[in-house]
Amino acid sequence: MAPRGIMSENLKYEIAKELGVFDTVQREGWGSVSSRDCGRMVQKAIEIAERSLMQK
């Protein structure tokens, strides 16, 4: 069984747009996103998850 991604594709694209790296993803793929920007995406996803948990 293949490992399942934790973040949905839609969420990844939404965060990439918000952080200004969506154009890079579209032109060159996820492999071209810098480590720093990937880290920022993870931080943003954690913030979204925490907010979601607090609302429940």
PDB file of N, CA and C in Angstrom:
ATOM      1  N   MET A   1       0.837  -1.185   0.000  1.00  0.00           N
ATOM      2  CA  MET A   1       0.000   0.000   0.000  1.00  0.00           C
ATOM      3  C   MET A   1       0.877   1.242   0.000  1.00  0.00           C
ATOM      4  N   ALA A   2       0.590   2.178  -0.892  1.00  0.00           N
ATOM      5  CA  ALA A   2       1.381   3.414  -0.993  1.00  0.00           C
ATOM      6  C   ALA A   2       1.049   4.338   0.173  1.00  0.00           C
ATOM      7  N   PRO A   3       2.055   5.085   0.685  1.00  0.00           N
ATOM      8  CA  PRO A   3       1.785   6.024   1.765  1.00  0.00           C
ATOM      9  C   PRO A   3       0.845   7.128   1.290  1.00  0.00           C
ATOM     10  N   ARG A   4      -0.023   7.549   2.172  1.00  0.00           N
ATOM     11  CA  ARG A   4      -1.000   8.576   1.832  1.00  0.00           C
ATOM     12  C   ARG A   4      -0.494   9.928   2.298  1.00  0.00           C
ATOM     13  N   GLY A   5      -0.592  10.929   1.455  1.00  0.00           N
ATOM     14  CA  GLY A   5      -0.172  12.278   1.826  1.00  0.00           C
ATOM     15  C   GLY A   5      -1.092  12.849   2.887  1.00  0.00           C
ATOM     16  N   ILE A   6      -0.522  13.624   3.761  1.00  0.00           N
ATOM     17  CA  ILE A   6      -1.308  14.217   4.834  1.00  0.00           C
ATOM     18  C   ILE A   6      -2.046  15.452   4.325  1.00  0.00           C
ATOM     19  N   MET A   7      -1.373  16.259   3.510  1.00  0.00           N
ATOM     20  CA  MET A   7      -2.002  17.459   2.966  1.00  0.00           C
ATOM     21  C   MET A   7      -2.650  17.135   1.636  1.00  0.00           C
ATOM     22  N   SER A   8      -3.863  17.622   1.450  1.00  0.00           N
ATOM     23  CA  SER A   8      -4.518  17.424   0.158  1.00  0.00           C
ATOM     24  C   SER A   8      -3.818  18.273  -0.893  1.00  0.00           C
ATOM     25  N   GLU A   9      -3.956  17.872  -2.134  1.00  0.00           N
ATOM     26  CA  GLU A   9      -3.369  18.646  -3.230  1.00  0.00           C
ATOM     27  C   GLU A   9      -3.942  20.057  -3.242  1.00  0.00           C
ATOM     28  N   ASN A  10      -5.240  20.186  -3.009  1.00  0.00           N
ATOM     29  CA  ASN A  10      -5.874  21.503  -3.009  1.00  0.00           C
ATOM     30  C   ASN A  10      -5.260  22.408  -1.948  1.00  0.00           C
ATOM     31  N   LEU A  11      -5.016  21.866  -0.760  1.00  0.00           N
ATOM     32  CA  LEU A  11      -4.422  22.656   0.314  1.00  0.00           C
ATOM     33  C   LEU A  11      -3.006  23.081  -0.056  1.00  0.00           C
ATOM     34  N   LYS A  12      -2.232  22.176  -0.643  1.00  0.00           N
ATOM     35  CA  LYS A  12      -0.865  22.524  -1.062  1.00  0.00           C
ATOM     36  C   LYS A  12      -0.881  23.669  -2.063  1.00  0.00           C
ATOM     37  N   TYR A  13      -1.767  23.606  -3.041  1.00  0.00           N
ATOM     38  CA  TYR A  13      -1.838  24.665  -4.046  1.00  0.00           C
ATOM     39  C   TYR A  13      -2.316  25.977  -3.428  1.00  0.00           C
ATOM     40  N   GLU A  14      -3.280  25.895  -2.531  1.00  0.00           N
ATOM     41  CA  GLU A  14      -3.787  27.098  -1.856  1.00  0.00           C
ATOM     42  C   GLU A  14      -2.663  27.791  -1.073  1.00  0.00           C
ATOM     43  N   ILE A  15      -1.890  27.008  -0.335  1.00  0.00           N
ATOM     44  CA  ILE A  15      -0.782  27.562   0.447  1.00  0.00           C
ATOM     45  C   ILE A  15       0.304  28.102  -0.480  1.00  0.00           C
ATOM     46  N   ALA A  16       0.600  27.386  -1.550  1.00  0.00           N
ATOM     47  CA  ALA A  16       1.609  27.848  -2.507  1.00  0.00           C
ATOM     48  C   ALA A  16       1.208  29.199  -3.099  1.00  0.00           C
ATOM     49  N   LYS A  17      -0.072  29.359  -3.412  1.00  0.00           N
ATOM     50  CA  LYS A  17      -0.554  30.647  -3.935  1.00  0.00           C
ATOM     51  C   LYS A  17      -0.381  31.736  -2.893  1.00  0.00           C
ATOM     52  N   GLU A  18      -0.768  31.434  -1.665  1.00  0.00           N
ATOM     53  CA  GLU A  18      -0.687  32.415  -0.583  1.00  0.00           C
ATOM     54  C   GLU A  18       0.758  32.861  -0.325  1.00  0.00           C
ATOM     55  N   LEU A  19       1.700  31.933  -0.449  1.00  0.00           N
ATOM     56  CA  LEU A  19       3.102  32.246  -0.166  1.00  0.00           C
ATOM     57  C   LEU A  19       3.887  32.696  -1.400  1.00  0.00           C
ATOM     58  N   GLY A  20       3.209  32.757  -2.549  1.00  0.00           N
ATOM     59  CA  GLY A  20       3.842  33.275  -3.752  1.00  0.00           C
ATOM     60  C   GLY A  20       4.749  32.305  -4.497  1.00  0.00           C
ATOM     61  N   VAL A  21       4.585  31.009  -4.287  1.00  0.00           N
ATOM     62  CA  VAL A  21       5.426  30.040  -5.000  1.00  0.00           C
ATOM     63  C   VAL A  21       4.633  29.210  -6.018  1.00  0.00           C
ATOM     64  N   PHE A  22       3.375  29.542  -6.202  1.00  0.00           N
ATOM     65  CA  PHE A  22       2.520  28.775  -7.108  1.00  0.00           C
ATOM     66  C   PHE A  22       3.038  28.808  -8.542  1.00  0.00           C
ATOM     67  N   ASP A  23       3.520  29.977  -8.994  1.00  0.00           N
ATOM     68  CA  ASP A  23       4.042  30.081 -10.365  1.00  0.00           C
ATOM     69  C   ASP A  23       5.222  29.132 -10.580  1.00  0.00           C
ATOM     70  N   THR A  24       6.095  29.039  -9.581  1.00  0.00           N
ATOM     71  CA  THR A  24       7.234  28.123  -9.667  1.00  0.00           C
ATOM     72  C   THR A  24       6.748  26.681  -9.787  1.00  0.00           C
ATOM     73  N   VAL A  25       5.751  26.330  -8.976  1.00  0.00           N
ATOM     74  CA  VAL A  25       5.191  24.968  -9.012  1.00  0.00           C
ATOM     75  C   VAL A  25       4.612  24.681 -10.396  1.00  0.00           C
ATOM     76  N   GLN A  26       3.883  25.636 -10.943  1.00  0.00           N
ATOM     77  CA  GLN A  26       3.274  25.428 -12.259  1.00  0.00           C
ATOM     78  C   GLN A  26       4.324  25.289 -13.353  1.00  0.00           C
ATOM     79  N   ARG A  27       5.352  26.128 -13.309  1.00  0.00           N
ATOM     80  CA  ARG A  27       6.381  26.118 -14.357  1.00  0.00           C
ATOM     81  C   ARG A  27       7.334  24.934 -14.236  1.00  0.00           C
ATOM     82  N   GLU A  28       7.777  24.659 -12.986  1.00  0.00           N
ATOM     83  CA  GLU A  28       8.895  23.733 -12.801  1.00  0.00           C
ATOM     84  C   GLU A  28       8.597  22.523 -11.920  1.00  0.00           C
ATOM     85  N   GLY A  29       7.452  22.518 -11.271  1.00  0.00           N
ATOM     86  CA  GLY A  29       7.085  21.406 -10.397  1.00  0.00           C
ATOM     87  C   GLY A  29       7.502  21.642  -8.953  1.00  0.00           C
ATOM     88  N   TRP A  30       7.030  20.759  -8.085  1.00  0.00           N
ATOM     89  CA  TRP A  30       7.291  20.892  -6.640  1.00  0.00           C
ATOM     90  C   TRP A  30       8.769  20.779  -6.305  1.00  0.00           C
ATOM     91  N   GLY A  31       9.534  20.050  -7.101  1.00  0.00           N
ATOM     92  CA  GLY A  31      10.949  19.863  -6.841  1.00  0.00           C
ATOM     93  C   GLY A  31      11.761  21.143  -6.938  1.00  0.00           C
ATOM     94  N   SER A  32      11.202  22.159  -7.564  1.00  0.00           N
ATOM     95  CA  SER A  32      11.905  23.431  -7.717  1.00  0.00           C
ATOM     96  C   SER A  32      11.611  24.422  -6.588  1.00  0.00           C
ATOM     97  N   VAL A  33      10.722  24.057  -5.693  1.00  0.00           N
ATOM     98  CA  VAL A  33      10.417  24.940  -4.558  1.00  0.00           C
ATOM     99  C   VAL A  33      11.545  24.802  -3.541  1.00  0.00           C
ATOM    100  N   SER A  34      12.053  25.929  -3.069  1.00  0.00           N
ATOM    101  CA  SER A  34      13.191  25.904  -2.146  1.00  0.00           C
ATOM    102  C   SER A  34      12.831  25.246  -0.819  1.00  0.00           C
ATOM    103  N   SER A  35      13.843  24.782  -0.128  1.00  0.00           N
ATOM    104  CA  SER A  35      13.647  24.177   1.192  1.00  0.00           C
ATOM    105  C   SER A  35      12.990  25.171   2.139  1.00  0.00           C
ATOM    106  N   ARG A  36      13.440  26.410   2.072  1.00  0.00           N
ATOM    107  CA  ARG A  36      12.873  27.454   2.934  1.00  0.00           C
ATOM    108  C   ARG A  36      11.377  27.611   2.671  1.00  0.00           C
ATOM    109  N   ASP A  37      10.995  27.669   1.382  1.00  0.00           N
ATOM    110  CA  ASP A  37       9.581  27.816   1.052  1.00  0.00           C
ATOM    111  C   ASP A  37       8.779  26.574   1.437  1.00  0.00           C
ATOM    112  N   CYS A  38       9.371  25.394   1.297  1.00  0.00           N
ATOM    113  CA  CYS A  38       8.690  24.168   1.746  1.00  0.00           C
ATOM    114  C   CYS A  38       8.449  24.229   3.251  1.00  0.00           C
ATOM    115  N   GLY A  39       9.431  24.696   3.987  1.00  0.00           N
ATOM    116  CA  GLY A  39       9.280  24.855   5.431  1.00  0.00           C
ATOM    117  C   GLY A  39       8.186  25.838   5.774  1.00  0.00           C
ATOM    118  N   ARG A  40       8.118  26.940   5.007  1.00  0.00           N
ATOM    119  CA  ARG A  40       7.053  27.923   5.231  1.00  0.00           C
ATOM    120  C   ARG A  40       5.687  27.317   4.937  1.00  0.00           C
ATOM    121  N   MET A  41       5.628  26.448   3.930  1.00  0.00           N
ATOM    122  CA  MET A  41       4.358  25.790   3.601  1.00  0.00           C
ATOM    123  C   MET A  41       3.921  24.871   4.738  1.00  0.00           C
ATOM    124  N   VAL A  42       4.873  24.143   5.304  1.00  0.00           N
ATOM    125  CA  VAL A  42       4.560  23.249   6.425  1.00  0.00           C
ATOM    126  C   VAL A  42       4.081  24.071   7.621  1.00  0.00           C
ATOM    127  N   GLN A  43       4.770  25.174   7.922  1.00  0.00           N
ATOM    128  CA  GLN A  43       4.344  26.040   9.033  1.00  0.00           C
ATOM    129  C   GLN A  43       2.911  26.521   8.825  1.00  0.00           C
ATOM    130  N   LYS A  44       2.599  26.946   7.603  1.00  0.00           N
ATOM    131  CA  LYS A  44       1.257  27.439   7.294  1.00  0.00           C
ATOM    132  C   LYS A  44       0.230  26.321   7.447  1.00  0.00           C
ATOM    133  N   ALA A  45       0.561  25.116   6.997  1.00  0.00           N
ATOM    134  CA  ALA A  45      -0.363  23.977   7.123  1.00  0.00           C
ATOM    135  C   ALA A  45      -0.621  23.657   8.592  1.00  0.00           C
ATOM    136  N   ILE A  46       0.407  23.760   9.418  1.00  0.00           N
ATOM    137  CA  ILE A  46       0.247  23.518  10.857  1.00  0.00           C
ATOM    138  C   ILE A  46      -0.663  24.572  11.461  1.00  0.00           C
ATOM    139  N   GLU A  47      -0.472  25.832  11.084  1.00  0.00           N
ATOM    140  CA  GLU A  47      -1.337  26.905  11.582  1.00  0.00           C
ATOM    141  C   GLU A  47      -2.795  26.639  11.215  1.00  0.00           C
ATOM    142  N   ILE A  48      -3.029  26.230   9.967  1.00  0.00           N
ATOM    143  CA  ILE A  48      -4.394  25.939   9.511  1.00  0.00           C
ATOM    144  C   ILE A  48      -4.986  24.780  10.312  1.00  0.00           C
ATOM    145  N   ALA A  49      -4.199  23.736  10.529  1.00  0.00           N
ATOM    146  CA  ALA A  49      -4.674  22.569  11.284  1.00  0.00           C
ATOM    147  C   ALA A  49      -4.992  22.951  12.731  1.00  0.00           C
ATOM    148  N   GLU A  50      -4.127  23.766  13.341  1.00  0.00           N
ATOM    149  CA  GLU A  50      -4.363  24.191  14.726  1.00  0.00           C
ATOM    150  C   GLU A  50      -5.640  25.017  14.829  1.00  0.00           C
ATOM    151  N   ARG A  51      -5.840  25.934  13.870  1.00  0.00           N
ATOM    152  CA  ARG A  51      -7.064  26.743  13.880  1.00  0.00           C
ATOM    153  C   ARG A  51      -8.287  25.856  13.735  1.00  0.00           C
ATOM    154  N   SER A  52      -8.183  24.867  12.874  1.00  0.00           N
ATOM    155  CA  SER A  52      -9.297  23.948  12.642  1.00  0.00           C
ATOM    156  C   SER A  52      -9.640  23.176  13.921  1.00  0.00           C
ATOM    157  N   LEU A  53      -8.617  22.733  14.631  1.00  0.00           N
ATOM    158  CA  LEU A  53      -8.836  21.984  15.874  1.00  0.00           C
ATOM    159  C   LEU A  53      -9.446  22.871  16.955  1.00  0.00           C
ATOM    160  N   MET A  54      -9.031  24.124  17.017  1.00  0.00           N
ATOM    161  CA  MET A  54      -9.552  25.047  18.033  1.00  0.00           C
ATOM    162  C   MET A  54     -11.023  25.374  17.801  1.00  0.00           C
ATOM    163  N   GLN A  55     -11.464  25.313  16.533  1.00  0.00           N
ATOM    164  CA  GLN A  55     -12.848  25.627  16.206  1.00  0.00           C
ATOM    165  C   GLN A  55     -13.787  24.466  16.530  1.00  0.00           C
ATOM    166  N   LYS A  56     -13.228  23.295  16.720  1.00  0.00           N
ATOM    167  CA  LYS A  56     -14.066  22.114  16.986  1.00  0.00           C
ATOM    168  C   LYS A  56     -14.447  21.999  18.429  1.00  0.00           C
TER     169      LYS A  56
END
